Amino acid sequence: MSNPFAINTSVQDGVTVITLEGFVDAHTAPHFENAIQAEIGAGRNKIVVDCRKLSYISSAGLGVFMSFIEEVRDVGGDIKICGLVPKVRHTFEILGFQDIFEMHDEQSTAVDRFQGN
C-alpha cells in the first residue's frame, strides 16, 4: 500500500504557495523537488511551503528544503514554512530548521512576511 501524497501550487500576492499533503518520503520527494524547481525556473523565488496537511516527512523531503534555500536567497527570494503539525514540527526543530527557515503557524502570515508586514 502506498502512502497518500498530494502537492498543489498556487500564487497569492506574487508569492508561490506549495501545499504538501500526506507523506513526503524518498518516493514522493522528487515531486516536491520538481515543484520548487519549476517555480524557480519561472522566476518565482518567493515560496511558502504549507505543511498543515503534511503528516510525515523523511530526510529526503527535508533535503529538498535544504537543496534550494541558498539558490533562492542568492536571487533575493526565500522559502518560508507554515502550518507544521506538532509531530512534523518536532522533526524540523530537532534538525535546527528554525535557525535557517522562518516558520509560521498561518499561511497568511508567511505570505505577508514577503510583503514586509
PDB file of N, CA and C in Angstrom:
ATOM      1  N   MET A   1       0.842  -1.195   0.000  1.00  0.00           N
ATOM      2  CA  MET A   1       0.000   0.000   0.000  1.00  0.00           C
ATOM      3  C   MET A   1       0.873   1.240   0.000  1.00  0.00           C
ATOM      4  N   SER A   2       0.594   2.166  -0.895  1.00  0.00           N
ATOM      5  CA  SER A   2       1.390   3.381  -0.930  1.00  0.00           C
ATOM      6  C   SER A   2       0.791   4.417   0.008  1.00  0.00           C
ATOM      7  N   ASN A   3       1.647   5.306   0.462  1.00  0.00           N
ATOM      8  CA  ASN A   3       1.187   6.366   1.346  1.00  0.00           C
ATOM      9  C   ASN A   3       0.589   7.489   0.517  1.00  0.00           C
ATOM     10  N   PRO A   4      -0.433   8.151   1.033  1.00  0.00           N
ATOM     11  CA  PRO A   4      -1.057   9.227   0.278  1.00  0.00           C
ATOM     12  C   PRO A   4      -0.111  10.418   0.155  1.00  0.00           C
ATOM     13  N   PHE A   5      -0.150  11.036  -1.007  1.00  0.00           N
ATOM     14  CA  PHE A   5       0.652  12.232  -1.225  1.00  0.00           C
ATOM     15  C   PHE A   5      -0.037  13.101  -2.264  1.00  0.00           C
ATOM     16  N   ALA A   6      -0.069  14.382  -2.004  1.00  0.00           N
ATOM     17  CA  ALA A   6      -0.580  15.341  -2.982  1.00  0.00           C
ATOM     18  C   ALA A   6       0.211  16.623  -2.846  1.00  0.00           C
ATOM     19  N   ILE A   7       0.350  17.324  -3.948  1.00  0.00           N
ATOM     20  CA  ILE A   7       1.032  18.616  -3.948  1.00  0.00           C
ATOM     21  C   ILE A   7       0.206  19.565  -4.799  1.00  0.00           C
ATOM     22  N   ASN A   8       0.048  20.782  -4.299  1.00  0.00           N
ATOM     23  CA  ASN A   8      -0.733  21.781  -5.006  1.00  0.00           C
ATOM     24  C   ASN A   8       0.040  23.090  -4.985  1.00  0.00           C
ATOM     25  N   THR A   9       0.087  23.766  -6.103  1.00  0.00           N
ATOM     26  CA  THR A   9       0.807  25.032  -6.196  1.00  0.00           C
ATOM     27  C   THR A   9      -0.156  26.133  -6.613  1.00  0.00           C
ATOM     28  N   SER A  10      -0.096  27.251  -5.906  1.00  0.00           N
ATOM     29  CA  SER A  10      -0.907  28.418  -6.248  1.00  0.00           C
ATOM     30  C   SER A  10      -0.064  29.670  -6.023  1.00  0.00           C
ATOM     31  N   VAL A  11      -0.574  30.810  -6.465  1.00  0.00           N
ATOM     32  CA  VAL A  11       0.136  32.073  -6.269  1.00  0.00           C
ATOM     33  C   VAL A  11      -0.799  33.041  -5.556  1.00  0.00           C
ATOM     34  N   GLN A  12      -0.289  33.646  -4.482  1.00  0.00           N
ATOM     35  CA  GLN A  12      -1.040  34.638  -3.719  1.00  0.00           C
ATOM     36  C   GLN A  12      -0.189  35.875  -3.566  1.00  0.00           C
ATOM     37  N   ASP A  13      -0.665  37.002  -4.052  1.00  0.00           N
ATOM     38  CA  ASP A  13       0.063  38.274  -3.908  1.00  0.00           C
ATOM     39  C   ASP A  13       1.508  38.153  -4.373  1.00  0.00           C
ATOM     40  N   GLY A  14       1.725  37.435  -5.467  1.00  0.00           N
ATOM     41  CA  GLY A  14       3.071  37.295  -6.007  1.00  0.00           C
ATOM     42  C   GLY A  14       3.952  36.283  -5.287  1.00  0.00           C
ATOM     43  N   VAL A  15       3.381  35.563  -4.349  1.00  0.00           N
ATOM     44  CA  VAL A  15       4.117  34.550  -3.584  1.00  0.00           C
ATOM     45  C   VAL A  15       3.575  33.178  -3.972  1.00  0.00           C
ATOM     46  N   THR A  16       4.475  32.263  -4.316  1.00  0.00           N
ATOM     47  CA  THR A  16       4.072  30.890  -4.617  1.00  0.00           C
ATOM     48  C   THR A  16       3.798  30.152  -3.319  1.00  0.00           C
ATOM     49  N   VAL A  17       2.650  29.475  -3.251  1.00  0.00           N
ATOM     50  CA  VAL A  17       2.319  28.639  -2.101  1.00  0.00           C
ATOM     51  C   VAL A  17       2.273  27.196  -2.591  1.00  0.00           C
ATOM     52  N   ILE A  18       3.168  26.385  -2.049  1.00  0.00           N
ATOM     53  CA  ILE A  18       3.202  24.957  -2.361  1.00  0.00           C
ATOM     54  C   ILE A  18       2.625  24.230  -1.149  1.00  0.00           C
ATOM     55  N   THR A  19       1.499  23.560  -1.348  1.00  0.00           N
ATOM     56  CA  THR A  19       0.842  22.843  -0.261  1.00  0.00           C
ATOM     57  C   THR A  19       1.159  21.355  -0.388  1.00  0.00           C
ATOM     58  N   LEU A  20       1.706  20.803   0.679  1.00  0.00           N
ATOM     59  CA  LEU A  20       2.043  19.380   0.723  1.00  0.00           C
ATOM     60  C   LEU A  20       0.994  18.644   1.542  1.00  0.00           C
ATOM     61  N   GLU A  21       0.645  17.451   1.099  1.00  0.00           N
ATOM     62  CA  GLU A  21      -0.347  16.661   1.819  1.00  0.00           C
ATOM     63  C   GLU A  21       0.125  15.217   1.901  1.00  0.00           C
ATOM     64  N   GLY A  22       0.006  14.640   3.090  1.00  0.00           N
ATOM     65  CA  GLY A  22       0.341  13.230   3.268  1.00  0.00           C
ATOM     66  C   GLY A  22       1.789  13.022   3.663  1.00  0.00           C
ATOM     67  N   PHE A  23       2.449  12.104   2.946  1.00  0.00           N
ATOM     68  CA  PHE A  23       3.811  11.687   3.263  1.00  0.00           C
ATOM     69  C   PHE A  23       4.782  12.221   2.220  1.00  0.00           C
ATOM     70  N   VAL A  24       5.854  12.883   2.685  1.00  0.00           N
ATOM     71  CA  VAL A  24       6.958  13.215   1.784  1.00  0.00           C
ATOM     72  C   VAL A  24       8.115  12.311   2.200  1.00  0.00           C
ATOM     73  N   ASP A  25       8.432  11.365   1.323  1.00  0.00           N
ATOM     74  CA  ASP A  25       9.494  10.401   1.595  1.00  0.00           C
ATOM     75  C   ASP A  25      10.343  10.235   0.336  1.00  0.00           C
ATOM     76  N   ALA A  26      11.161   9.220   0.299  1.00  0.00           N
ATOM     77  CA  ALA A  26      12.060   9.019  -0.838  1.00  0.00           C
ATOM     78  C   ALA A  26      11.297   8.874  -2.158  1.00  0.00           C
ATOM     79  N   HIS A  27      10.080   8.366  -2.101  1.00  0.00           N
ATOM     80  CA  HIS A  27       9.294   8.162  -3.322  1.00  0.00           C
ATOM     81  C   HIS A  27       8.608   9.436  -3.802  1.00  0.00           C
ATOM     82  N   THR A  28       8.196  10.296  -2.860  1.00  0.00           N
ATOM     83  CA  THR A  28       7.438  11.494  -3.233  1.00  0.00           C
ATOM     84  C   THR A  28       8.276  12.766  -3.236  1.00  0.00           C
ATOM     85  N   ALA A  29       9.427  12.759  -2.581  1.00  0.00           N
ATOM     86  CA  ALA A  29      10.274  13.955  -2.528  1.00  0.00           C
ATOM     87  C   ALA A  29      10.630  14.495  -3.920  1.00  0.00           C
ATOM     88  N   PRO A  30      10.875  13.636  -4.930  1.00  0.00           N
ATOM     89  CA  PRO A  30      11.170  14.190  -6.261  1.00  0.00           C
ATOM     90  C   PRO A  30      10.033  15.053  -6.826  1.00  0.00           C
ATOM     91  N   HIS A  31       8.787  14.749  -6.479  1.00  0.00           N
ATOM     92  CA  HIS A  31       7.664  15.580  -6.934  1.00  0.00           C
ATOM     93  C   HIS A  31       7.727  16.962  -6.281  1.00  0.00           C
ATOM     94  N   PHE A  32       8.071  16.984  -4.992  1.00  0.00           N
ATOM     95  CA  PHE A  32       8.243  18.237  -4.253  1.00  0.00           C
ATOM     96  C   PHE A  32       9.403  19.030  -4.862  1.00  0.00           C
ATOM     97  N   GLU A  33      10.504  18.334  -5.122  1.00  0.00           N
ATOM     98  CA  GLU A  33      11.678  18.972  -5.719  1.00  0.00           C
ATOM     99  C   GLU A  33      11.334  19.572  -7.085  1.00  0.00           C
ATOM    100  N   ASN A  34      10.603  18.832  -7.901  1.00  0.00           N
ATOM    101  CA  ASN A  34      10.214  19.327  -9.222  1.00  0.00           C
ATOM    102  C   ASN A  34       9.324  20.561  -9.116  1.00  0.00           C
ATOM    103  N   ALA A  35       8.437  20.586  -8.123  1.00  0.00           N
ATOM    104  CA  ALA A  35       7.541  21.736  -7.943  1.00  0.00           C
ATOM    105  C   ALA A  35       8.327  22.995  -7.601  1.00  0.00           C
ATOM    106  N   ILE A  36       9.299  22.868  -6.699  1.00  0.00           N
ATOM    107  CA  ILE A  36      10.119  24.035  -6.351  1.00  0.00           C
ATOM    108  C   ILE A  36      10.969  24.449  -7.545  1.00  0.00           C
ATOM    109  N   GLN A  37      11.564  23.487  -8.216  1.00  0.00           N
ATOM    110  CA  GLN A  37      12.414  23.792  -9.372  1.00  0.00           C
ATOM    111  C   GLN A  37      11.613  24.509 -10.459  1.00  0.00           C
ATOM    112  N   ALA A  38      10.378  24.102 -10.678  1.00  0.00           N
ATOM    113  CA  ALA A  38       9.529  24.745 -11.689  1.00  0.00           C
ATOM    114  C   ALA A  38       9.275  26.206 -11.332  1.00  0.00           C
ATOM    115  N   GLU A  39       9.049  26.482 -10.056  1.00  0.00           N
ATOM    116  CA  GLU A  39       8.809  27.871  -9.629  1.00  0.00           C
ATOM    117  C   GLU A  39      10.060  28.716  -9.806  1.00  0.00           C
ATOM    118  N   ILE A  40      11.195  28.192  -9.385  1.00  0.00           N
ATOM    119  CA  ILE A  40      12.463  28.928  -9.538  1.00  0.00           C
ATOM    120  C   ILE A  40      12.751  29.145 -11.020  1.00  0.00           C
ATOM    121  N   GLY A  41      12.524  28.115 -11.826  1.00  0.00           N
ATOM    122  CA  GLY A  41      12.751  28.213 -13.266  1.00  0.00           C
ATOM    123  C   GLY A  41      11.875  29.267 -13.929  1.00  0.00           C
ATOM    124  N   ALA A  42      10.700  29.509 -13.340  1.00  0.00           N
ATOM    125  CA  ALA A  42       9.781  30.513 -13.870  1.00  0.00           C
ATOM    126  C   ALA A  42      10.049  31.896 -13.275  1.00  0.00           C
ATOM    127  N   GLY A  43      11.110  31.998 -12.476  1.00  0.00           N
ATOM    128  CA  GLY A  43      11.459  33.287 -11.885  1.00  0.00           C
ATOM    129  C   GLY A  43      10.681  33.627 -10.628  1.00  0.00           C
ATOM    130  N   ARG A  44       9.975  32.654 -10.075  1.00  0.00           N
ATOM    131  CA  ARG A  44       9.223  32.878  -8.835  1.00  0.00           C
ATOM    132  C   ARG A  44      10.040  32.302  -7.681  1.00  0.00           C
ATOM    133  N   ASN A  45      10.652  33.197  -6.913  1.00  0.00           N
ATOM    134  CA  ASN A  45      11.554  32.734  -5.860  1.00  0.00           C
ATOM    135  C   ASN A  45      11.094  33.128  -4.459  1.00  0.00           C
ATOM    136  N   LYS A  46       9.867  33.599  -4.341  1.00  0.00           N
ATOM    137  CA  LYS A  46       9.252  33.834  -3.030  1.00  0.00           C
ATOM    138  C   LYS A  46       8.279  32.682  -2.816  1.00  0.00           C
ATOM    139  N   ILE A  47       8.678  31.744  -1.953  1.00  0.00           N
ATOM    140  CA  ILE A  47       7.954  30.481  -1.833  1.00  0.00           C
ATOM    141  C   ILE A  47       7.557  30.224  -0.380  1.00  0.00           C
ATOM    142  N   VAL A  48       6.295  29.878  -0.198  1.00  0.00           N
ATOM    143  CA  VAL A  48       5.792  29.409   1.096  1.00  0.00           C
ATOM    144  C   VAL A  48       5.421  27.945   0.913  1.00  0.00           C
ATOM    145  N   VAL A  49       5.911  27.096   1.795  1.00  0.00           N
ATOM    146  CA  VAL A  49       5.524  25.682   1.776  1.00  0.00           C
ATOM    147  C   VAL A  49       4.554  25.468   2.929  1.00  0.00           C
ATOM    148  N   ASP A  50       3.300  25.194   2.573  1.00  0.00           N
ATOM    149  CA  ASP A  50       2.236  24.996   3.555  1.00  0.00           C
ATOM    150  C   ASP A  50       2.184  23.513   3.916  1.00  0.00           C
ATOM    151  N   CYS A  51       2.420  23.224   5.192  1.00  0.00           N
ATOM    152  CA  CYS A  51       2.548  21.839   5.654  1.00  0.00           C
ATOM    153  C   CYS A  51       1.411  21.400   6.568  1.00  0.00           C
ATOM    154  N   ARG A  52       0.286  22.141   6.584  1.00  0.00           N
ATOM    155  CA  ARG A  52      -0.760  21.768   7.547  1.00  0.00           C
ATOM    156  C   ARG A  52      -1.361  20.413   7.272  1.00  0.00           C
ATOM    157  N   LYS A  53      -1.280  19.910   6.022  1.00  0.00           N
ATOM    158  CA  LYS A  53      -1.817  18.579   5.697  1.00  0.00           C
ATOM    159  C   LYS A  53      -0.701  17.540   5.576  1.00  0.00           C
ATOM    160  N   LEU A  54       0.509  17.941   5.960  1.00  0.00           N
ATOM    161  CA  LEU A  54       1.652  17.033   5.894  1.00  0.00           C
ATOM    162  C   LEU A  54       1.697  16.204   7.177  1.00  0.00           C
ATOM    163  N   SER A  55       1.667  14.881   7.031  1.00  0.00           N
ATOM    164  CA  SER A  55       1.662  14.024   8.220  1.00  0.00           C
ATOM    165  C   SER A  55       3.005  13.364   8.490  1.00  0.00           C
ATOM    166  N   TYR A  56       3.906  13.387   7.502  1.00  0.00           N
ATOM    167  CA  TYR A  56       5.221  12.759   7.685  1.00  0.00           C
ATOM    168  C   TYR A  56       6.188  13.340   6.665  1.00  0.00           C
ATOM    169  N   ILE A  57       7.432  13.561   7.099  1.00  0.00           N
ATOM    170  CA  ILE A  57       8.485  13.958   6.159  1.00  0.00           C
ATOM    171  C   ILE A  57       9.754  13.206   6.522  1.00  0.00           C
ATOM    172  N   SER A  58      10.399  12.625   5.517  1.00  0.00           N
ATOM    173  CA  SER A  58      11.637  11.885   5.736  1.00  0.00           C
ATOM    174  C   SER A  58      12.830  12.796   5.472  1.00  0.00           C
ATOM    175  N   SER A  59      14.017  12.247   5.641  1.00  0.00           N
ATOM    176  CA  SER A  59      15.225  13.020   5.363  1.00  0.00           C
ATOM    177  C   SER A  59      15.279  13.446   3.895  1.00  0.00           C
ATOM    178  N   ALA A  60      14.708  12.646   3.013  1.00  0.00           N
ATOM    179  CA  ALA A  60      14.674  13.014   1.594  1.00  0.00           C
ATOM    180  C   ALA A  60      13.851  14.281   1.393  1.00  0.00           C
ATOM    181  N   GLY A  61      12.721  14.368   2.068  1.00  0.00           N
ATOM    182  CA  GLY A  61      11.883  15.559   1.976  1.00  0.00           C
ATOM    183  C   GLY A  61      12.544  16.778   2.595  1.00  0.00           C
ATOM    184  N   LEU A  62      13.188  16.583   3.740  1.00  0.00           N
ATOM    185  CA  LEU A  62      13.894  17.683   4.390  1.00  0.00           C
ATOM    186  C   LEU A  62      15.040  18.177   3.512  1.00  0.00           C
ATOM    187  N   GLY A  63      15.667  17.250   2.814  1.00  0.00           N
ATOM    188  CA  GLY A  63      16.768  17.615   1.921  1.00  0.00           C
ATOM    189  C   GLY A  63      16.329  18.523   0.785  1.00  0.00           C
ATOM    190  N   VAL A  64      15.067  18.393   0.360  1.00  0.00           N
ATOM    191  CA  VAL A  64      14.563  19.269  -0.702  1.00  0.00           C
ATOM    192  C   VAL A  64      14.599  20.720  -0.233  1.00  0.00           C
ATOM    193  N   PHE A  65      14.168  20.974   0.996  1.00  0.00           N
ATOM    194  CA  PHE A  65      14.227  22.339   1.531  1.00  0.00           C
ATOM    195  C   PHE A  65      15.662  22.865   1.495  1.00  0.00           C
ATOM    196  N   MET A  66      16.585  22.036   1.975  1.00  0.00           N
ATOM    197  CA  MET A  66      17.977  22.469   2.078  1.00  0.00           C
ATOM    198  C   MET A  66      18.617  22.670   0.709  1.00  0.00           C
ATOM    199  N   SER A  67      18.205  21.885  -0.267  1.00  0.00           N
ATOM    200  CA  SER A  67      18.867  21.954  -1.570  1.00  0.00           C
ATOM    201  C   SER A  67      18.547  23.230  -2.339  1.00  0.00           C
ATOM    202  N   PHE A  68      17.472  23.934  -1.976  1.00  0.00           N
ATOM    203  CA  PHE A  68      17.082  25.129  -2.721  1.00  0.00           C
ATOM    204  C   PHE A  68      17.249  26.444  -1.967  1.00  0.00           C
ATOM    205  N   ILE A  69      17.459  26.389  -0.658  1.00  0.00           N
ATOM    206  CA  ILE A  69      17.422  27.624   0.128  1.00  0.00           C
ATOM    207  C   ILE A  69      18.490  28.628  -0.306  1.00  0.00           C
ATOM    208  N   GLU A  70      19.702  28.189  -0.534  1.00  0.00           N
ATOM    209  CA  GLU A  70      20.747  29.125  -0.962  1.00  0.00           C
ATOM    210  C   GLU A  70      20.441  29.696  -2.334  1.00  0.00           C
ATOM    211  N   GLU A  71      19.973  28.848  -3.234  1.00  0.00           N
ATOM    212  CA  GLU A  71      19.672  29.290  -4.597  1.00  0.00           C
ATOM    213  C   GLU A  71      18.629  30.402  -4.604  1.00  0.00           C
ATOM    214  N   VAL A  72      17.541  30.244  -3.840  1.00  0.00           N
ATOM    215  CA  VAL A  72      16.505  31.278  -3.852  1.00  0.00           C
ATOM    216  C   VAL A  72      16.958  32.534  -3.114  1.00  0.00           C
ATOM    217  N   ARG A  73      17.725  32.378  -2.058  1.00  0.00           N
ATOM    218  CA  ARG A  73      18.211  33.565  -1.329  1.00  0.00           C
ATOM    219  C   ARG A  73      19.239  34.334  -2.149  1.00  0.00           C
ATOM    220  N   ASP A  74      20.015  33.639  -2.957  1.00  0.00           N
ATOM    221  CA  ASP A  74      21.007  34.314  -3.809  1.00  0.00           C
ATOM    222  C   ASP A  74      20.357  35.253  -4.818  1.00  0.00           C
ATOM    223  N   VAL A  75      19.090  35.013  -5.153  1.00  0.00           N
ATOM    224  CA  VAL A  75      18.391  35.874  -6.111  1.00  0.00           C
ATOM    225  C   VAL A  75      17.327  36.728  -5.415  1.00  0.00           C
ATOM    226  N   GLY A  76      17.457  36.901  -4.112  1.00  0.00           N
ATOM    227  CA  GLY A  76      16.576  37.794  -3.377  1.00  0.00           C
ATOM    228  C   GLY A  76      15.267  37.186  -2.916  1.00  0.00           C
ATOM    229  N   GLY A  77      15.123  35.880  -3.018  1.00  0.00           N
ATOM    230  CA  GLY A  77      13.899  35.213  -2.572  1.00  0.00           C
ATOM    231  C   GLY A  77      14.098  34.523  -1.240  1.00  0.00           C
ATOM    232  N   ASP A  78      13.142  33.681  -0.901  1.00  0.00           N
ATOM    233  CA  ASP A  78      13.226  32.905   0.337  1.00  0.00           C
ATOM    234  C   ASP A  78      12.207  31.774   0.272  1.00  0.00           C
ATOM    235  N   ILE A  79      12.385  30.810   1.151  1.00  0.00           N
ATOM    236  CA  ILE A  79      11.417  29.743   1.359  1.00  0.00           C
ATOM    237  C   ILE A  79      10.987  29.833   2.814  1.00  0.00           C
ATOM    238  N   LYS A  80       9.686  29.993   3.021  1.00  0.00           N
ATOM    239  CA  LYS A  80       9.139  30.038   4.369  1.00  0.00           C
ATOM    240  C   LYS A  80       8.231  28.821   4.548  1.00  0.00           C
ATOM    241  N   ILE A  81       8.145  28.346   5.769  1.00  0.00           N
ATOM    242  CA  ILE A  81       7.390  27.132   6.065  1.00  0.00           C
ATOM    243  C   ILE A  81       6.239  27.519   6.995  1.00  0.00           C
ATOM    244  N   CYS A  82       5.054  26.962   6.736  1.00  0.00           N
ATOM    245  CA  CYS A  82       3.927  27.259   7.632  1.00  0.00           C
ATOM    246  C   CYS A  82       3.087  26.011   7.882  1.00  0.00           C
ATOM    247  N   GLY A  83       2.325  26.090   8.974  1.00  0.00           N
ATOM    248  CA  GLY A  83       1.309  25.091   9.260  1.00  0.00           C
ATOM    249  C   GLY A  83       1.806  23.741   9.723  1.00  0.00           C
ATOM    250  N   LEU A  84       2.990  23.688  10.291  1.00  0.00           N
ATOM    251  CA  LEU A  84       3.519  22.384  10.718  1.00  0.00           C
ATOM    252  C   LEU A  84       2.713  21.815  11.885  1.00  0.00           C
ATOM    253  N   VAL A  85       2.257  20.573  11.732  1.00  0.00           N
ATOM    254  CA  VAL A  85       1.601  19.896  12.854  1.00  0.00           C
ATOM    255  C   VAL A  85       2.693  19.532  13.866  1.00  0.00           C
ATOM    256  N   PRO A  86       2.347  19.393  15.149  1.00  0.00           N
ATOM    257  CA  PRO A  86       3.376  19.201  16.182  1.00  0.00           C
ATOM    258  C   PRO A  86       4.382  18.093  15.901  1.00  0.00           C
ATOM    259  N   LYS A  87       3.916  16.940  15.436  1.00  0.00           N
ATOM    260  CA  LYS A  87       4.836  15.811  15.194  1.00  0.00           C
ATOM    261  C   LYS A  87       5.862  16.160  14.108  1.00  0.00           C
ATOM    262  N   VAL A  88       5.397  16.802  13.054  1.00  0.00           N
ATOM    263  CA  VAL A  88       6.293  17.168  11.954  1.00  0.00           C
ATOM    264  C   VAL A  88       7.178  18.337  12.378  1.00  0.00           C
ATOM    265  N   ARG A  89       6.621  19.307  13.101  1.00  0.00           N
ATOM    266  CA  ARG A  89       7.409  20.448  13.595  1.00  0.00           C
ATOM    267  C   ARG A  89       8.579  19.947  14.433  1.00  0.00           C
ATOM    268  N   HIS A  90       8.321  18.940  15.254  1.00  0.00           N
ATOM    269  CA  HIS A  90       9.370  18.378  16.112  1.00  0.00           C
ATOM    270  C   HIS A  90      10.551  17.898  15.269  1.00  0.00           C
ATOM    271  N   THR A  91      10.256  17.233  14.156  1.00  0.00           N
ATOM    272  CA  THR A  91      11.318  16.760  13.260  1.00  0.00           C
ATOM    273  C   THR A  91      12.128  17.939  12.723  1.00  0.00           C
ATOM    274  N   PHE A  92      11.455  18.990  12.287  1.00  0.00           N
ATOM    275  CA  PHE A  92      12.138  20.180  11.776  1.00  0.00           C
ATOM    276  C   PHE A  92      13.004  20.816  12.870  1.00  0.00           C
ATOM    277  N   GLU A  93      12.464  20.895  14.090  1.00  0.00           N
ATOM    278  CA  GLU A  93      13.182  21.558  15.181  1.00  0.00           C
ATOM    279  C   GLU A  93      14.396  20.761  15.644  1.00  0.00           C
ATOM    280  N   ILE A  94      14.282  19.426  15.663  1.00  0.00           N
ATOM    281  CA  ILE A  94      15.427  18.597  16.054  1.00  0.00           C
ATOM    282  C   ILE A  94      16.620  18.884  15.137  1.00  0.00           C
ATOM    283  N   LEU A  95      16.324  19.127  13.857  1.00  0.00           N
ATOM    284  CA  LEU A  95      17.379  19.367  12.876  1.00  0.00           C
ATOM    285  C   LEU A  95      17.766  20.839  12.745  1.00  0.00           C
ATOM    286  N   GLY A  96      17.171  21.704  13.570  1.00  0.00           N
ATOM    287  CA  GLY A  96      17.561  23.113  13.587  1.00  0.00           C
ATOM    288  C   GLY A  96      17.010  23.955  12.451  1.00  0.00           C
ATOM    289  N   PHE A  97      15.943  23.492  11.814  1.00  0.00           N
ATOM    290  CA  PHE A  97      15.371  24.250  10.694  1.00  0.00           C
ATOM    291  C   PHE A  97      14.897  25.637  11.114  1.00  0.00           C
ATOM    292  N   GLN A  98      14.499  25.802  12.394  1.00  0.00           N
ATOM    293  CA  GLN A  98      14.012  27.099  12.846  1.00  0.00           C
ATOM    294  C   GLN A  98      15.126  28.146  12.814  1.00  0.00           C
ATOM    295  N   ASP A  99      16.381  27.722  12.767  1.00  0.00           N
ATOM    296  CA  ASP A  99      17.508  28.656  12.669  1.00  0.00           C
ATOM    297  C   ASP A  99      17.805  29.038  11.221  1.00  0.00           C
ATOM    298  N   ILE A 100      17.251  28.309  10.275  1.00  0.00           N
ATOM    299  CA  ILE A 100      17.525  28.529   8.852  1.00  0.00           C
ATOM    300  C   ILE A 100      16.306  29.098   8.137  1.00  0.00           C
ATOM    301  N   PHE A 101      15.127  28.614   8.491  1.00  0.00           N
ATOM    302  CA  PHE A 101      13.880  28.978   7.821  1.00  0.00           C
ATOM    303  C   PHE A 101      12.951  29.713   8.770  1.00  0.00           C
ATOM    304  N   GLU A 102      12.187  30.678   8.226  1.00  0.00           N
ATOM    305  CA  GLU A 102      11.085  31.245   9.000  1.00  0.00           C
ATOM    306  C   GLU A 102       9.977  30.209   9.020  1.00  0.00           C
ATOM    307  N   MET A 103       9.454  29.945  10.216  1.00  0.00           N
ATOM    308  CA  MET A 103       8.351  29.000  10.349  1.00  0.00           C
ATOM    309  C   MET A 103       7.189  29.734  11.005  1.00  0.00           C
ATOM    310  N   HIS A 104       6.025  29.661  10.367  1.00  0.00           N
ATOM    311  CA  HIS A 104       4.836  30.363  10.836  1.00  0.00           C
ATOM    312  C   HIS A 104       3.687  29.384  11.010  1.00  0.00           C
ATOM    313  N   ASP A 105       2.765  29.732  11.896  1.00  0.00           N
ATOM    314  CA  ASP A 105       1.586  28.891  12.092  1.00  0.00           C
ATOM    315  C   ASP A 105       0.620  29.022  10.926  1.00  0.00           C
ATOM    316  N   GLU A 106       0.437  30.246  10.435  1.00  0.00           N
ATOM    317  CA  GLU A 106      -0.572  30.514   9.415  1.00  0.00           C
ATOM    318  C   GLU A 106       0.051  30.824   8.056  1.00  0.00           C
ATOM    319  N   GLN A 107      -0.580  30.339   7.011  1.00  0.00           N
ATOM    320  CA  GLN A 107      -0.136  30.625   5.645  1.00  0.00           C
ATOM    321  C   GLN A 107      -0.166  32.124   5.369  1.00  0.00           C
ATOM    322  N   SER A 108      -1.220  32.799   5.806  1.00  0.00           N
ATOM    323  CA  SER A 108      -1.349  34.231   5.537  1.00  0.00           C
ATOM    324  C   SER A 108      -0.198  35.017   6.160  1.00  0.00           C
ATOM    325  N   THR A 109       0.259  34.628   7.336  1.00  0.00           N
ATOM    326  CA  THR A 109       1.385  35.297   7.987  1.00  0.00           C
ATOM    327  C   THR A 109       2.655  35.103   7.165  1.00  0.00           C
ATOM    328  N   ALA A 110       2.884  33.899   6.713  1.00  0.00           N
ATOM    329  CA  ALA A 110       4.077  33.606   5.914  1.00  0.00           C
ATOM    330  C   ALA A 110       4.071  34.416   4.613  1.00  0.00           C
ATOM    331  N   VAL A 111       2.917  34.474   3.942  1.00  0.00           N
ATOM    332  CA  VAL A 111       2.808  35.240   2.702  1.00  0.00           C
ATOM    333  C   VAL A 111       3.037  36.727   2.985  1.00  0.00           C
ATOM    334  N   ASP A 112       2.425  37.223   4.058  1.00  0.00           N
ATOM    335  CA  ASP A 112       2.582  38.641   4.418  1.00  0.00           C
ATOM    336  C   ASP A 112       4.034  39.017   4.693  1.00  0.00           C
ATOM    337  N   ARG A 113       4.812  38.083   5.214  1.00  0.00           N
ATOM    338  CA  ARG A 113       6.217  38.375   5.523  1.00  0.00           C
ATOM    339  C   ARG A 113       6.998  38.747   4.258  1.00  0.00           C
ATOM    340  N   PHE A 114       6.574  38.281   3.105  1.00  0.00           N
ATOM    341  CA  PHE A 114       7.226  38.681   1.856  1.00  0.00           C
ATOM    342  C   PHE A 114       6.861  40.107   1.469  1.00  0.00           C
ATOM    343  N   GLN A 115       5.748  40.609   1.988  1.00  0.00           N
ATOM    344  CA  GLN A 115       5.326  41.974   1.683  1.00  0.00           C
ATOM    345  C   GLN A 115       5.933  42.952   2.680  1.00  0.00           C
ATOM    346  N   GLY A 116       6.705  42.442   3.628  1.00  0.00           N
ATOM    347  CA  GLY A 116       7.319  43.309   4.622  1.00  0.00           C
ATOM    348  C   GLY A 116       6.402  43.596   5.799  1.00  0.00           C
ATOM    349  N   ASN A 117       5.308  42.853   5.933  1.00  0.00           N
ATOM    350  CA  ASN A 117       4.371  43.068   7.037  1.00  0.00           C
ATOM    351  C   ASN A 117       4.781  42.267   8.258  1.00  0.00           C
TER     352      ASN A 117
END
